[in-house]
């Protein structure tokens, strides 16, 4: 039995971060300006807090200026929008990220539409997603996790063109945009979701699998074609009494089984996760370059 090549997302993300740091340094020396990222967080959700902490720390390491906006759980929608408009107007801010999910009383879609298109580093503005869905058009920004998935494939030397790609899950954050990106890269794309009949038959036909369903170990080794590339976006907490936290993270793919069959596979954690943050920093850099180099 040959075993899969493990795609090391941490190492690839580190390479990308080094490339970004060089560019930030160049902007700083040439124009005396650096990219700025505003991270807006509402409330005290533990998982959101830890994500935001990671993003802010990453900015500091690369010389990107971080604007920290921490708002109370009960902030009104209009106050949040006012805050976003201030950030839209601030020339030192090149990227604005609102950490999702937002509290129930705030309309997420409305909030995402209020972020300036030129600063939408998450790539969630309806106009950016709309352009992603159109042939021959390019959005200003592509969502970070999907962009990270394609970057993992390309930096691992896995070509997408003409391949059968199956995306498991159809969320606005991962499944839908990653299927659009694969289509743009000339793959033949099938999206499998909760209403799909016989998902394993479809998945077994895939050269490339992007698993983003949010169901622990849903995809079994027997569902995977020998030599396929498996990108596992899932992060699911499962009980593990041997861990101090009482749980461990697993993907949507049964890693032990799948790694015996697949050609390439990403681990969870340490696969897609680090790439999401790296792509956010890359989007921020790209947004800053558009402004700084062309002003």
C-alpha atoms as a PDB file:
ATOM      1  CA  UNK A   1       0.000   0.000   0.000  1.00  0.00           C
ATOM      2  CA  UNK A   2       1.476   3.353  -0.935  1.00  0.00           C
ATOM      3  CA  UNK A   3       0.496   6.172   1.349  1.00  0.00           C
ATOM      4  CA  UNK A   4      -0.535   9.677   0.378  1.00  0.00           C
ATOM      5  CA  UNK A   5       1.795  12.649   0.226  1.00  0.00           C
ATOM      6  CA  UNK A   6       0.807  14.869   3.149  1.00  0.00           C
ATOM      7  CA  UNK A   7       0.263  18.468   2.015  1.00  0.00           C
ATOM      8  CA  UNK A   8       1.851  20.583   4.744  1.00  0.00           C
ATOM      9  CA  UNK A   9      -0.327  23.692   4.946  1.00  0.00           C
ATOM     10  CA  UNK A  10       1.797  25.158   7.729  1.00  0.00           C
ATOM     11  CA  UNK A  11       4.970  25.026   5.637  1.00  0.00           C
ATOM     12  CA  UNK A  12       3.281  26.368   2.484  1.00  0.00           C
ATOM     13  CA  UNK A  13       1.616  29.166   4.471  1.00  0.00           C
ATOM     14  CA  UNK A  14       5.000  30.051   5.981  1.00  0.00           C
ATOM     15  CA  UNK A  15       6.524  30.358   2.498  1.00  0.00           C
ATOM     16  CA  UNK A  16       3.683  32.653   1.429  1.00  0.00           C
ATOM     17  CA  UNK A  17       4.067  34.749   4.585  1.00  0.00           C
ATOM     18  CA  UNK A  18       7.786  35.194   3.815  1.00  0.00           C
ATOM     19  CA  UNK A  19       6.905  36.360   0.291  1.00  0.00           C
ATOM     20  CA  UNK A  20       4.389  38.839   1.751  1.00  0.00           C
ATOM     21  CA  UNK A  21       6.898  40.150   4.324  1.00  0.00           C
ATOM     22  CA  UNK A  22       9.356  40.954   1.502  1.00  0.00           C
ATOM     23  CA  UNK A  23       6.648  42.915  -0.351  1.00  0.00           C
ATOM     24  CA  UNK A  24       5.555  44.788   2.790  1.00  0.00           C
ATOM     25  CA  UNK A  25       9.187  45.752   3.380  1.00  0.00           C
ATOM     26  CA  UNK A  26       9.445  47.000  -0.211  1.00  0.00           C
ATOM     27  CA  UNK A  27       6.294  49.149   0.093  1.00  0.00           C
ATOM     28  CA  UNK A  28       7.586  50.547   3.353  1.00  0.00           C
ATOM     29  CA  UNK A  29      10.978  51.469   1.865  1.00  0.00           C
ATOM     30  CA  UNK A  30       9.705  52.738  -1.481  1.00  0.00           C
ATOM     31  CA  UNK A  31       6.535  54.585  -0.471  1.00  0.00           C
ATOM     32  CA  UNK A  32       6.933  54.865   3.307  1.00  0.00           C
ATOM     33  CA  UNK A  33       3.531  53.153   3.661  1.00  0.00           C
ATOM     34  CA  UNK A  34       2.484  49.712   4.863  1.00  0.00           C
ATOM     35  CA  UNK A  35      -0.698  47.685   4.335  1.00  0.00           C
ATOM     36  CA  UNK A  36      -3.356  48.160   7.025  1.00  0.00           C
ATOM     37  CA  UNK A  37      -5.945  45.590   8.094  1.00  0.00           C
ATOM     38  CA  UNK A  38      -8.934  46.398  10.301  1.00  0.00           C
ATOM     39  CA  UNK A  39     -10.338  43.404  12.159  1.00  0.00           C
ATOM     40  CA  UNK A  40     -13.805  44.002  13.585  1.00  0.00           C
ATOM     41  CA  UNK A  41     -15.102  41.630  16.220  1.00  0.00           C
ATOM     42  CA  UNK A  42     -18.513  41.823  17.892  1.00  0.00           C
ATOM     43  CA  UNK A  43     -18.992  40.108  21.251  1.00  0.00           C
ATOM     44  CA  UNK A  44     -16.905  37.568  23.119  1.00  0.00           C
ATOM     45  CA  UNK A  45     -17.263  34.243  21.279  1.00  0.00           C
ATOM     46  CA  UNK A  46     -14.264  32.120  22.259  1.00  0.00           C
ATOM     47  CA  UNK A  47     -13.627  30.708  18.761  1.00  0.00           C
ATOM     48  CA  UNK A  48     -13.950  34.142  17.138  1.00  0.00           C
ATOM     49  CA  UNK A  49     -11.606  35.645  19.733  1.00  0.00           C
ATOM     50  CA  UNK A  50      -8.941  33.036  19.001  1.00  0.00           C
ATOM     51  CA  UNK A  51      -9.248  33.480  15.199  1.00  0.00           C
ATOM     52  CA  UNK A  52      -8.960  37.235  15.568  1.00  0.00           C
ATOM     53  CA  UNK A  53      -5.963  36.844  17.879  1.00  0.00           C
ATOM     54  CA  UNK A  54      -4.227  34.743  15.197  1.00  0.00           C
ATOM     55  CA  UNK A  55      -4.961  37.297  12.484  1.00  0.00           C
ATOM     56  CA  UNK A  56      -3.670  40.221  14.547  1.00  0.00           C
ATOM     57  CA  UNK A  57      -0.512  38.352  15.553  1.00  0.00           C
ATOM     58  CA  UNK A  58       0.145  37.424  11.905  1.00  0.00           C
ATOM     59  CA  UNK A  59      -0.135  41.104  10.893  1.00  0.00           C
ATOM     60  CA  UNK A  60       2.397  42.114  13.529  1.00  0.00           C
ATOM     61  CA  UNK A  61       4.872  39.469  12.316  1.00  0.00           C
ATOM     62  CA  UNK A  62       4.734  40.682   8.708  1.00  0.00           C
ATOM     63  CA  UNK A  63       4.780  44.422   9.366  1.00  0.00           C
ATOM     64  CA  UNK A  64       1.126  44.930   8.433  1.00  0.00           C
ATOM     65  CA  UNK A  65      -0.586  47.559  10.568  1.00  0.00           C
ATOM     66  CA  UNK A  66      -3.493  46.105  12.492  1.00  0.00           C
ATOM     67  CA  UNK A  67      -6.537  48.199  13.452  1.00  0.00           C
ATOM     68  CA  UNK A  68      -8.370  46.453  16.276  1.00  0.00           C
ATOM     69  CA  UNK A  69     -12.079  47.183  16.549  1.00  0.00           C
ATOM     70  CA  UNK A  70     -13.711  45.330  19.459  1.00  0.00           C
ATOM     71  CA  UNK A  71     -17.417  45.992  19.837  1.00  0.00           C
ATOM     72  CA  UNK A  72     -19.843  44.795  22.536  1.00  0.00           C
ATOM     73  CA  UNK A  73     -22.281  41.957  21.819  1.00  0.00           C
ATOM     74  CA  UNK A  74     -25.248  44.357  21.993  1.00  0.00           C
ATOM     75  CA  UNK A  75     -23.863  46.972  19.580  1.00  0.00           C
ATOM     76  CA  UNK A  76     -26.627  48.254  17.303  1.00  0.00           C
ATOM     77  CA  UNK A  77     -26.537  47.498  13.600  1.00  0.00           C
ATOM     78  CA  UNK A  78     -26.399  51.214  12.777  1.00  0.00           C
ATOM     79  CA  UNK A  79     -23.414  51.764  15.107  1.00  0.00           C
ATOM     80  CA  UNK A  80     -21.569  48.882  13.464  1.00  0.00           C
ATOM     81  CA  UNK A  81     -22.294  50.368  10.020  1.00  0.00           C
ATOM     82  CA  UNK A  82     -21.066  53.800  11.154  1.00  0.00           C
ATOM     83  CA  UNK A  83     -17.834  52.141  12.319  1.00  0.00           C
ATOM     84  CA  UNK A  84     -17.432  50.417   8.930  1.00  0.00           C
ATOM     85  CA  UNK A  85     -17.973  53.706   7.094  1.00  0.00           C
ATOM     86  CA  UNK A  86     -15.201  55.298   9.179  1.00  0.00           C
ATOM     87  CA  UNK A  87     -12.878  52.452   8.208  1.00  0.00           C
ATOM     88  CA  UNK A  88     -13.934  52.755   4.540  1.00  0.00           C
ATOM     89  CA  UNK A  89     -12.893  56.414   4.693  1.00  0.00           C
ATOM     90  CA  UNK A  90      -9.565  55.789   6.458  1.00  0.00           C
ATOM     91  CA  UNK A  91      -6.758  55.803   3.825  1.00  0.00           C
ATOM     92  CA  UNK A  92      -4.427  53.767   6.091  1.00  0.00           C
ATOM     93  CA  UNK A  93      -6.880  50.839   6.126  1.00  0.00           C
ATOM     94  CA  UNK A  94      -6.621  48.678   2.998  1.00  0.00           C
ATOM     95  CA  UNK A  95      -8.596  45.704   4.231  1.00  0.00           C
ATOM     96  CA  UNK A  96     -11.654  45.370   6.480  1.00  0.00           C
ATOM     97  CA  UNK A  97     -12.662  42.076   7.971  1.00  0.00           C
ATOM     98  CA  UNK A  98     -15.778  41.525  10.070  1.00  0.00           C
ATOM     99  CA  UNK A  99     -15.438  38.303  12.043  1.00  0.00           C
ATOM    100  CA  UNK A 100     -18.470  36.072  11.442  1.00  0.00           C
ATOM    101  CA  UNK A 101     -20.845  34.893  12.818  1.00  0.00           C
ATOM    102  CA  UNK A 102     -22.412  38.128  14.040  1.00  0.00           C
ATOM    103  CA  UNK A 103     -24.999  38.272  16.855  1.00  0.00           C
ATOM    104  CA  UNK A 104     -28.585  37.402  15.821  1.00  0.00           C
ATOM    105  CA  UNK A 105     -29.869  41.001  15.859  1.00  0.00           C
ATOM    106  CA  UNK A 106     -27.465  42.037  13.092  1.00  0.00           C
ATOM    107  CA  UNK A 107     -28.117  41.270   9.419  1.00  0.00           C
ATOM    108  CA  UNK A 108     -24.867  39.771   8.094  1.00  0.00           C
ATOM    109  CA  UNK A 109     -25.672  40.337   4.432  1.00  0.00           C
ATOM    110  CA  UNK A 110     -26.393  44.026   5.077  1.00  0.00           C
ATOM    111  CA  UNK A 111     -23.102  44.415   6.985  1.00  0.00           C
ATOM    112  CA  UNK A 112     -21.000  42.714   4.283  1.00  0.00           C
ATOM    113  CA  UNK A 113     -22.526  45.026   1.664  1.00  0.00           C
ATOM    114  CA  UNK A 114     -21.445  48.095   3.683  1.00  0.00           C
ATOM    115  CA  UNK A 115     -17.740  47.208   3.425  1.00  0.00           C
ATOM    116  CA  UNK A 116     -16.081  49.103   0.580  1.00  0.00           C
ATOM    117  CA  UNK A 117     -15.534  46.801  -2.412  1.00  0.00           C
ATOM    118  CA  UNK A 118     -11.873  47.886  -2.547  1.00  0.00           C
ATOM    119  CA  UNK A 119     -11.340  46.794   1.081  1.00  0.00           C
ATOM    120  CA  UNK A 120     -13.355  43.562   1.085  1.00  0.00           C
ATOM    121  CA  UNK A 121     -10.378  41.283   1.873  1.00  0.00           C
ATOM    122  CA  UNK A 122     -12.718  38.449   2.862  1.00  0.00           C
ATOM    123  CA  UNK A 123     -14.142  38.493  -0.670  1.00  0.00           C
ATOM    124  CA  UNK A 124     -17.715  38.204   0.626  1.00  0.00           C
ATOM    125  CA  UNK A 125     -19.178  41.371  -0.900  1.00  0.00           C
ATOM    126  CA  UNK A 126     -22.003  40.281  -3.261  1.00  0.00           C
ATOM    127  CA  UNK A 127     -20.314  42.125  -6.150  1.00  0.00           C
ATOM    128  CA  UNK A 128     -17.025  40.263  -5.581  1.00  0.00           C
ATOM    129  CA  UNK A 129     -18.836  36.896  -5.414  1.00  0.00           C
ATOM    130  CA  UNK A 130     -20.894  37.894  -8.473  1.00  0.00           C
ATOM    131  CA  UNK A 131     -17.772  38.614 -10.517  1.00  0.00           C
ATOM    132  CA  UNK A 132     -16.265  35.330  -9.374  1.00  0.00           C
ATOM    133  CA  UNK A 133     -19.319  33.623 -10.885  1.00  0.00           C
ATOM    134  CA  UNK A 134     -18.867  35.280 -14.283  1.00  0.00           C
ATOM    135  CA  UNK A 135     -16.643  34.012 -17.053  1.00  0.00           C
ATOM    136  CA  UNK A 136     -13.856  36.406 -18.006  1.00  0.00           C
ATOM    137  CA  UNK A 137     -14.403  38.614 -14.957  1.00  0.00           C
ATOM    138  CA  UNK A 138     -12.158  38.793 -11.941  1.00  0.00           C
ATOM    139  CA  UNK A 139     -13.264  39.905  -8.490  1.00  0.00           C
ATOM    140  CA  UNK A 140     -11.039  42.363  -6.604  1.00  0.00           C
ATOM    141  CA  UNK A 141     -10.751  39.744  -3.854  1.00  0.00           C
ATOM    142  CA  UNK A 142     -11.372  36.004  -3.656  1.00  0.00           C
ATOM    143  CA  UNK A 143     -12.544  34.472  -0.327  1.00  0.00           C
ATOM    144  CA  UNK A 144      -9.562  33.355   1.756  1.00  0.00           C
ATOM    145  CA  UNK A 145     -10.295  29.680   2.457  1.00  0.00           C
ATOM    146  CA  UNK A 146     -11.223  28.788  -1.162  1.00  0.00           C
ATOM    147  CA  UNK A 147      -8.209  30.736  -2.412  1.00  0.00           C
ATOM    148  CA  UNK A 148      -6.055  28.803   0.088  1.00  0.00           C
ATOM    149  CA  UNK A 149      -7.414  25.468  -1.205  1.00  0.00           C
ATOM    150  CA  UNK A 150      -6.389  26.272  -4.778  1.00  0.00           C
ATOM    151  CA  UNK A 151      -3.029  27.583  -3.648  1.00  0.00           C
ATOM    152  CA  UNK A 152      -2.365  24.277  -1.812  1.00  0.00           C
ATOM    153  CA  UNK A 153      -3.110  22.379  -5.028  1.00  0.00           C
ATOM    154  CA  UNK A 154      -0.951  24.574  -7.234  1.00  0.00           C
ATOM    155  CA  UNK A 155       2.011  24.696  -4.838  1.00  0.00           C
ATOM    156  CA  UNK A 156       1.850  20.912  -4.510  1.00  0.00           C
ATOM    157  CA  UNK A 157       2.127  20.605  -8.299  1.00  0.00           C
ATOM    158  CA  UNK A 158      -1.424  19.281  -8.702  1.00  0.00           C
ATOM    159  CA  UNK A 159      -2.966  20.511 -11.939  1.00  0.00           C
ATOM    160  CA  UNK A 160      -6.694  21.248 -11.939  1.00  0.00           C
ATOM    161  CA  UNK A 161      -7.340  21.705 -15.658  1.00  0.00           C
ATOM    162  CA  UNK A 162      -9.592  19.018 -17.128  1.00  0.00           C
ATOM    163  CA  UNK A 163      -9.795  17.117 -13.822  1.00  0.00           C
ATOM    164  CA  UNK A 164     -12.978  15.904 -12.129  1.00  0.00           C
ATOM    165  CA  UNK A 165     -13.340  17.959  -8.970  1.00  0.00           C
ATOM    166  CA  UNK A 166     -15.976  17.228  -6.344  1.00  0.00           C
ATOM    167  CA  UNK A 167     -16.820  19.823  -3.712  1.00  0.00           C
ATOM    168  CA  UNK A 168     -18.639  18.470  -0.674  1.00  0.00           C
ATOM    169  CA  UNK A 169     -20.728  21.263   0.887  1.00  0.00           C
ATOM    170  CA  UNK A 170     -22.216  24.426  -0.620  1.00  0.00           C
ATOM    171  CA  UNK A 171     -21.747  27.156   1.993  1.00  0.00           C
ATOM    172  CA  UNK A 172     -21.278  30.774   0.905  1.00  0.00           C
ATOM    173  CA  UNK A 173     -17.948  30.839   2.725  1.00  0.00           C
ATOM    174  CA  UNK A 174     -16.278  27.752   1.220  1.00  0.00           C
ATOM    175  CA  UNK A 175     -18.283  25.301  -0.890  1.00  0.00           C
ATOM    176  CA  UNK A 176     -19.844  27.697  -3.372  1.00  0.00           C
ATOM    177  CA  UNK A 177     -16.826  29.981  -4.000  1.00  0.00           C
ATOM    178  CA  UNK A 178     -14.347  27.076  -4.170  1.00  0.00           C
ATOM    179  CA  UNK A 179     -16.521  25.400  -6.828  1.00  0.00           C
ATOM    180  CA  UNK A 180     -16.496  28.662  -8.822  1.00  0.00           C
ATOM    181  CA  UNK A 181     -12.691  28.907  -8.521  1.00  0.00           C
ATOM    182  CA  UNK A 182     -12.250  25.313  -9.699  1.00  0.00           C
ATOM    183  CA  UNK A 183     -14.522  26.041 -12.650  1.00  0.00           C
ATOM    184  CA  UNK A 184     -12.394  29.118 -13.469  1.00  0.00           C
ATOM    185  CA  UNK A 185      -9.327  26.838 -13.367  1.00  0.00           C
ATOM    186  CA  UNK A 186     -10.967  24.573 -15.993  1.00  0.00           C
ATOM    187  CA  UNK A 187     -11.950  21.643 -13.764  1.00  0.00           C
ATOM    188  CA  UNK A 188     -15.207  19.748 -14.291  1.00  0.00           C
ATOM    189  CA  UNK A 189     -17.006  20.456 -11.038  1.00  0.00           C
ATOM    190  CA  UNK A 190     -19.722  18.590  -9.135  1.00  0.00           C
ATOM    191  CA  UNK A 191     -21.121  19.903  -5.850  1.00  0.00           C
ATOM    192  CA  UNK A 192     -22.354  17.295  -3.376  1.00  0.00           C
ATOM    193  CA  UNK A 193     -24.689  18.438  -0.580  1.00  0.00           C
ATOM    194  CA  UNK A 194     -27.286  17.155   1.885  1.00  0.00           C
ATOM    195  CA  UNK A 195     -29.831  16.427  -0.857  1.00  0.00           C
ATOM    196  CA  UNK A 196     -27.415  14.635  -3.190  1.00  0.00           C
ATOM    197  CA  UNK A 197     -28.337  11.037  -3.966  1.00  0.00           C
ATOM    198  CA  UNK A 198     -25.503   8.496  -3.643  1.00  0.00           C
ATOM    199  CA  UNK A 199     -22.748  10.949  -2.750  1.00  0.00           C
ATOM    200  CA  UNK A 200     -20.123   8.226  -2.482  1.00  0.00           C
ATOM    201  CA  UNK A 201     -20.577   7.208  -6.129  1.00  0.00           C
ATOM    202  CA  UNK A 202     -19.917  10.801  -7.182  1.00  0.00           C
ATOM    203  CA  UNK A 203     -16.992  11.295  -4.796  1.00  0.00           C
ATOM    204  CA  UNK A 204     -15.383   8.035  -5.968  1.00  0.00           C
ATOM    205  CA  UNK A 205     -15.119   9.542  -9.441  1.00  0.00           C
ATOM    206  CA  UNK A 206     -13.153  12.601  -8.260  1.00  0.00           C
ATOM    207  CA  UNK A 207      -9.537  13.410  -9.091  1.00  0.00           C
ATOM    208  CA  UNK A 208      -9.763  16.304  -6.625  1.00  0.00           C
ATOM    209  CA  UNK A 209     -11.973  16.377  -3.524  1.00  0.00           C
ATOM    210  CA  UNK A 210     -12.616  19.528  -1.517  1.00  0.00           C
ATOM    211  CA  UNK A 211     -14.393  18.480   1.674  1.00  0.00           C
ATOM    212  CA  UNK A 212     -16.279  21.349   3.308  1.00  0.00           C
ATOM    213  CA  UNK A 213     -19.427  19.828   4.777  1.00  0.00           C
ATOM    214  CA  UNK A 214     -18.692  20.257   8.482  1.00  0.00           C
ATOM    215  CA  UNK A 215     -19.332  16.578   9.339  1.00  0.00           C
ATOM    216  CA  UNK A 216     -16.636  14.658  11.171  1.00  0.00           C
ATOM    217  CA  UNK A 217     -15.084  11.841   9.121  1.00  0.00           C
ATOM    218  CA  UNK A 218     -18.054  11.722   6.766  1.00  0.00           C
ATOM    219  CA  UNK A 219     -15.918  10.765   3.752  1.00  0.00           C
ATOM    220  CA  UNK A 220     -14.516   7.250   4.094  1.00  0.00           C
ATOM    221  CA  UNK A 221     -11.353   5.833   2.576  1.00  0.00           C
ATOM    222  CA  UNK A 222     -13.455   3.527   0.390  1.00  0.00           C
ATOM    223  CA  UNK A 223     -15.072   6.607  -1.215  1.00  0.00           C
ATOM    224  CA  UNK A 224     -11.763   7.848  -2.585  1.00  0.00           C
ATOM    225  CA  UNK A 225     -10.258   7.024  -5.953  1.00  0.00           C
ATOM    226  CA  UNK A 226      -6.640   5.845  -5.773  1.00  0.00           C
ATOM    227  CA  UNK A 227      -4.269   8.761  -6.268  1.00  0.00           C
ATOM    228  CA  UNK A 228      -6.875  11.515  -5.786  1.00  0.00           C
ATOM    229  CA  UNK A 229      -5.966  14.843  -4.165  1.00  0.00           C
ATOM    230  CA  UNK A 230      -7.961  15.476  -0.990  1.00  0.00           C
ATOM    231  CA  UNK A 231      -8.247  18.961   0.513  1.00  0.00           C
ATOM    232  CA  UNK A 232     -10.054  18.736   3.857  1.00  0.00           C
ATOM    233  CA  UNK A 233     -11.562  22.036   5.007  1.00  0.00           C
ATOM    234  CA  UNK A 234     -13.527  20.506   7.901  1.00  0.00           C
ATOM    235  CA  UNK A 235     -12.627  21.281  11.496  1.00  0.00           C
ATOM    236  CA  UNK A 236     -14.861  19.274  13.782  1.00  0.00           C
ATOM    237  CA  UNK A 237     -14.343  18.839  17.515  1.00  0.00           C
ATOM    238  CA  UNK A 238     -14.793  15.232  18.665  1.00  0.00           C
ATOM    239  CA  UNK A 239     -14.581  14.003  22.252  1.00  0.00           C
ATOM    240  CA  UNK A 240     -11.155  12.761  23.276  1.00  0.00           C
ATOM    241  CA  UNK A 241     -10.681  12.120  27.014  1.00  0.00           C
ATOM    242  CA  UNK A 242      -6.911  11.677  26.496  1.00  0.00           C
ATOM    243  CA  UNK A 243      -6.592  15.380  25.582  1.00  0.00           C
ATOM    244  CA  UNK A 244      -6.394  18.075  28.229  1.00  0.00           C
ATOM    245  CA  UNK A 245      -9.124  20.053  26.436  1.00  0.00           C
ATOM    246  CA  UNK A 246     -11.304  16.920  26.325  1.00  0.00           C
ATOM    247  CA  UNK A 247     -11.573  17.060  22.529  1.00  0.00           C
ATOM    248  CA  UNK A 248      -9.516  16.919  19.358  1.00  0.00           C
ATOM    249  CA  UNK A 249     -10.079  18.329  15.883  1.00  0.00           C
ATOM    250  CA  UNK A 250     -10.807  16.068  12.927  1.00  0.00           C
ATOM    251  CA  UNK A 251     -11.674  16.818   9.329  1.00  0.00           C
ATOM    252  CA  UNK A 252     -14.621  15.829   7.140  1.00  0.00           C
ATOM    253  CA  UNK A 253     -12.472  13.010   5.738  1.00  0.00           C
ATOM    254  CA  UNK A 254     -11.430   9.897   7.654  1.00  0.00           C
ATOM    255  CA  UNK A 255      -7.718  10.722   7.498  1.00  0.00           C
ATOM    256  CA  UNK A 256      -6.391   7.295   8.592  1.00  0.00           C
ATOM    257  CA  UNK A 257      -8.333   5.451   5.883  1.00  0.00           C
ATOM    258  CA  UNK A 258      -8.042   8.101   3.188  1.00  0.00           C
ATOM    259  CA  UNK A 259      -4.289   8.567   3.487  1.00  0.00           C
ATOM    260  CA  UNK A 260      -3.826   4.916   2.455  1.00  0.00           C
ATOM    261  CA  UNK A 261      -5.647   5.509  -0.855  1.00  0.00           C
ATOM    262  CA  UNK A 262      -5.234   9.167  -1.837  1.00  0.00           C
ATOM    263  CA  UNK A 263      -2.284  10.579  -3.771  1.00  0.00           C
ATOM    264  CA  UNK A 264      -2.246  13.757  -1.676  1.00  0.00           C
ATOM    265  CA  UNK A 265      -4.101  14.763   1.473  1.00  0.00           C
ATOM    266  CA  UNK A 266      -4.187  17.696   3.892  1.00  0.00           C
ATOM    267  CA  UNK A 267      -4.099  16.997   7.630  1.00  0.00           C
ATOM    268  CA  UNK A 268      -6.490  18.563  10.162  1.00  0.00           C
ATOM    269  CA  UNK A 269      -5.226  20.658  11.834  1.00  0.00           C
ATOM    270  CA  UNK A 270      -2.264  22.001   9.841  1.00  0.00           C
ATOM    271  CA  UNK A 271      -3.681  21.850   6.324  1.00  0.00           C
ATOM    272  CA  UNK A 272      -6.162  24.464   5.137  1.00  0.00           C
ATOM    273  CA  UNK A 273      -6.303  26.460   8.410  1.00  0.00           C
ATOM    274  CA  UNK A 274      -2.915  28.208   8.181  1.00  0.00           C
ATOM    275  CA  UNK A 275      -3.622  28.971   4.500  1.00  0.00           C
ATOM    276  CA  UNK A 276      -6.787  30.914   5.305  1.00  0.00           C
ATOM    277  CA  UNK A 277      -4.818  33.414   7.396  1.00  0.00           C
ATOM    278  CA  UNK A 278      -2.007  33.561   4.794  1.00  0.00           C
ATOM    279  CA  UNK A 279      -4.531  34.374   2.033  1.00  0.00           C
ATOM    280  CA  UNK A 280      -6.132  37.078   4.185  1.00  0.00           C
ATOM    281  CA  UNK A 281      -2.700  38.704   4.516  1.00  0.00           C
ATOM    282  CA  UNK A 282      -2.094  38.285   0.771  1.00  0.00           C
ATOM    283  CA  UNK A 283      -5.457  39.925  -0.029  1.00  0.00           C
ATOM    284  CA  UNK A 284      -4.585  42.800   2.323  1.00  0.00           C
ATOM    285  CA  UNK A 285      -1.224  43.228   0.594  1.00  0.00           C
ATOM    286  CA  UNK A 286      -2.883  43.178  -2.851  1.00  0.00           C
ATOM    287  CA  UNK A 287      -5.456  45.771  -1.737  1.00  0.00           C
ATOM    288  CA  UNK A 288      -2.685  47.981  -0.366  1.00  0.00           C
ATOM    289  CA  UNK A 289      -0.601  47.674  -3.558  1.00  0.00           C
ATOM    290  CA  UNK A 290      -3.581  48.768  -5.673  1.00  0.00           C
ATOM    291  CA  UNK A 291      -3.839  51.956  -3.611  1.00  0.00           C
ATOM    292  CA  UNK A 292      -0.201  52.716  -2.729  1.00  0.00           C
ATOM    293  CA  UNK A 293       1.377  51.983  -6.110  1.00  0.00           C
ATOM    294  CA  UNK A 294      -1.300  53.775  -8.107  1.00  0.00           C
ATOM    295  CA  UNK A 295      -1.945  56.856  -6.021  1.00  0.00           C
END
